Amino acid sequence: MSLIESTYQKLSDYNDCSSSEDFSIRYLRRSKSYYRTIKAMGKEPSYEVLCNLMMELEKKIDEYPRNMLYRNLSLNVASNLVSKINVRNVCSKTTFRTSVLGVEPS
């Protein structure tokens, strides 16, 4: 199971997403069919979509600071993003890791 699938499943089990359409719109900031489409095609989400997901999870952490589900999901997404970034992408791994460390809880 991919990161995006496990994240959706955990949020769905927690009753925070009513459907894949809800997840696509609220967490991925995409059209209602986005998650369903990438899952069916076996594609990975873009960096931008992963960043959107991480930012939405961070908002949930701010809203519910004691909820470890959102915190753990956000850290998993951040770690996945860092592992995918390479020098030819938007920024270097070092720069990106520094940015992610800035949003990680201390």
Protein backbone atom coordinates (compact mmCIF):
# COMPACT_ATOMS: atom_id res chain seq x y z
CA MET A 1 0.00 0.00 0.00
CA SER A 2 1.37 3.41 -0.97
CA LEU A 3 1.79 6.33 1.40
CA ILE A 4 -1.18 8.17 -0.08
CA GLU A 5 -3.39 5.07 0.19
CA SER A 6 -2.41 4.39 3.80
CA THR A 7 -2.94 8.06 4.69
CA TYR A 8 -6.40 8.01 3.13
CA GLN A 9 -7.25 4.74 4.89
CA LYS A 10 -6.15 6.04 8.31
CA LEU A 11 -8.08 9.29 7.90
CA SER A 12 -11.10 7.32 6.70
CA ASP A 13 -10.87 4.91 9.65
CA TYR A 14 -10.67 7.95 11.94
CA ASN A 15 -13.84 9.27 10.25
CA ASP A 16 -12.08 12.40 9.05
CA CYS A 17 -12.75 11.65 5.37
CA SER A 18 -16.19 10.60 4.23
CA SER A 19 -14.99 9.44 0.80
CA SER A 20 -12.10 9.46 -1.65
CA GLU A 21 -13.67 12.56 -3.21
CA ASP A 22 -13.60 14.32 0.15
CA PHE A 23 -9.94 13.33 0.61
CA SER A 24 -9.04 14.60 -2.88
CA ILE A 25 -10.69 17.96 -2.32
CA ARG A 26 -9.88 18.69 1.33
CA TYR A 27 -6.45 17.10 1.79
CA LEU A 28 -4.92 16.94 -1.67
CA ARG A 29 -6.52 20.18 -2.94
CA ARG A 30 -7.40 18.58 -6.25
CA SER A 31 -10.53 17.60 -8.14
CA LYS A 32 -12.84 15.05 -6.57
CA SER A 33 -11.60 12.29 -8.89
CA TYR A 34 -7.84 12.89 -8.37
CA TYR A 35 -7.15 10.26 -5.70
CA ARG A 36 -9.34 7.65 -7.38
CA THR A 37 -7.60 8.28 -10.72
CA ILE A 38 -4.00 8.04 -9.52
CA LYS A 39 -4.86 4.93 -7.52
CA ALA A 40 -6.49 3.24 -10.51
CA MET A 41 -3.58 4.17 -12.79
CA GLY A 42 -0.95 3.15 -10.24
CA LYS A 43 0.64 6.60 -10.32
CA GLU A 44 2.35 8.49 -7.53
CA PRO A 45 1.07 11.92 -6.50
CA SER A 46 3.10 14.98 -7.50
CA TYR A 47 5.38 16.81 -5.09
CA GLU A 48 2.85 19.62 -5.00
CA VAL A 49 0.07 17.25 -3.95
CA LEU A 50 2.25 15.76 -1.21
CA CYS A 51 3.04 19.28 0.00
CA ASN A 52 -0.69 20.09 0.00
CA LEU A 53 -1.35 16.96 2.04
CA MET A 54 1.39 17.83 4.52
CA MET A 55 0.09 21.40 4.91
CA GLU A 56 -3.47 20.21 5.49
CA LEU A 57 -2.26 17.74 8.11
CA GLU A 58 -0.28 20.55 9.75
CA LYS A 59 -3.50 22.59 9.98
CA LYS A 60 -5.12 19.64 11.75
CA ILE A 61 -2.17 19.48 14.16
CA ASP A 62 -2.68 23.17 14.97
CA GLU A 63 -6.38 22.52 15.49
CA TYR A 64 -5.86 19.34 17.55
CA PRO A 65 -2.34 19.57 19.05
CA ARG A 66 -2.66 16.43 21.17
CA ASN A 67 -3.81 14.22 18.30
CA MET A 68 -0.91 11.97 17.35
CA LEU A 69 -2.62 10.61 14.23
CA TYR A 70 -2.24 13.88 12.34
CA ARG A 71 1.28 14.41 13.64
CA ASN A 72 2.44 10.93 12.59
CA LEU A 73 0.80 11.18 9.17
CA SER A 74 2.40 14.59 8.58
CA LEU A 75 5.84 13.31 9.52
CA ASN A 76 5.41 10.30 7.22
CA VAL A 77 4.47 12.55 4.31
CA ALA A 78 7.40 14.89 5.06
CA SER A 79 9.85 11.99 5.20
CA ASN A 80 8.50 10.60 1.95
CA LEU A 81 8.87 13.98 0.27
CA VAL A 82 12.46 14.38 1.47
CA SER A 83 13.38 10.94 0.18
CA LYS A 84 12.00 11.74 -3.29
CA ILE A 85 13.68 15.11 -3.75
CA ASN A 86 16.92 15.15 -5.69
CA VAL A 87 19.27 17.87 -6.86
CA ARG A 88 17.56 18.22 -10.26
CA ASN A 89 14.21 18.97 -8.67
CA VAL A 90 13.02 22.22 -7.18
CA CYS A 91 15.72 22.42 -4.53
CA SER A 92 18.51 20.39 -3.03
CA LYS A 93 17.86 17.75 -0.40
CA THR A 94 19.73 19.80 2.19
CA THR A 95 17.58 22.87 1.58
CA PHE A 96 14.41 20.83 1.60
CA ARG A 97 15.36 18.95 4.78
CA THR A 98 16.03 22.29 6.47
CA SER A 99 12.56 23.44 5.42
CA VAL A 100 10.94 20.25 6.69
CA LEU A 101 12.80 20.51 9.99
CA GLY A 102 11.29 23.97 10.31
CA VAL A 103 7.78 22.49 10.32
CA GLU A 104 8.56 19.44 12.45
CA PRO A 105 7.61 19.73 16.10
CA SER A 106 10.52 20.18 18.44
